[in-house]
Amino acid sequence: MIVRALFLVLMCFTPIWAVAQNGPLRIEITEGVIEPLPVAIPDLVPEGGATGDWGQRIARVVAEDLTGTGLFREIPSSAFISQVSSFAAPVQYADWKAINAQALVAGAVSVNGNQISVKFRLYDVFSGAELGEGLQLAGTTDAWRRIAHKMADVVYSRITGETGYFDSRVVFVSETGPKDSRRKRLAVMDYDGANIQYLTGSEDIVLAPRFSATGDRVLYTSYETGFPRIYVLDVGSVQRRVLESQQGTMSFAPRFAPNGQTVVYSLTQGANTDIWSMNIGSGQSQRLTSTPAIETAPSFSPDGSQIVFESDRSGTQQLYVMPAGGGEARRISFGEGRYGTPVWSPRGDLIAFTKQSKGRFHIGVMRTDGSEERLLTASFLDEGPTWSPNGRVIMFARETQGAAGRSTLYSVDISGRNLRPVRTPDGGSDPSWGPLQR
């Protein structure tokens, strides 16, 4: 019953779900906010060489993942009547009902040398039944956070009916120093800001990193030579090479096609900026637009058949969609203000964008035909949206006003709720959310 209730919640934007204590779950569609589902997440039971610290750390990451969505509310352990002291012990459903837990996550952890194993079950407390079968996850102790994220993904998926997004990474530009002398380098991190790895030094200005669909490569723009050039970097080896280097040109705003073999980007020749594509293997390039306008920020549809981009061909910065091989483009943005940095949702149903209107910046979404535009944020400067792997959350950069302004990463649900900062040690901009890790 929990599964059906919360799944219906996710299909709408302004619902409240309700649970009848002595009857079936029901949904009320109102103009209120989503009431988070109460969930109990006891520390995992230590087994086979594990200490209690392991169970506590893993449970905390799972709880942070779930509550961070805004769809779950963790019941504090101080309210527990029952204690999970054995993974094999039967669940005392009455004790969990008494504290109004709708779901219970119970697990155990064992450690052998540098190997860690986790097993867990998810229970629907009010129906008194297990949701799906129990699972076991294993890996090295260094990867314990990934195991916790995978565990949270399973819980999220079984309760919402949607794919999780916690076991994923984000590549971004890490920023340090004053605003007028800012140092920028590429970095990759877990979706929640943990496990940061730096991919480049801070000697050169780098911009707009973009993950491949498989998460093994990153495209970005660098001013290492004094002019913007596109590089492709292997995340595992941190080896890189110049991808586009036509003499007398500037290339920037690259993005992979879903197949990983084609790249679209902007190329400036003289006073003209158009969108080009390139086959990475052969190096063969093709011009996709040919107008006097500035055309940039291309992004493929998930099936690779179309490209959305920004252009000022109408006199102001607007969004257009064209076939992936070039051809006639149709305008899809018609609201007041200027539109930029469009990104196609991995679901294929929405396009996220940056909008500037009446002195404010917004992150918004619209249907692929431009209908149903909704603005999710508003601030002095919000820009650069990127989608979570399941298309439910958008991450972006927000800069504060003033000479000491700092850029910070934020995330927001596509309903416009649950705006949250992403914890990074330094400033951050230009995020690109990668796929679920393998």
Foldseek 3Di string as FASTA:
>chain_A
DLQVQQQVVLVDQAWEWDCDLPDHTDTDRDNHHYDAAEEEQAFEAEDAADDSVLSVVLSVLLVCQRVLVVRHDYDDPVQQPDDCHDPPDQDPLVRCVVSPHQKYKYKHWHDDPQKIKIKIWMDRSSVGGTQDDIDMDMDGNVCSSLVSQVVSQVVCCSSNVFGDFQQWKKKFWFWDDFPVDIFTFIWMAGPQAPDIDTLDDRPWDKDFWAAAQQRQKIWIWICPVPATFIKIAGPVVSDIDTLDDDPQKGKGQWYAANVRQKIWTWIDHDQAIFIKMAGRVPRDIGTADDDRWHKGQWEAQLVRQKIKTWICPVVATFIWMDTNNHDDIDTQADDPFHWHNWYAFNVRFKIWIWTDHPQWIFIWIAGPNNPPIDTQDIDNDWGAWEARQRRFKIKTWDWDDDSRIAIFIWMAGNSSDSIGTRDHPGGIHNMYIYHRHD
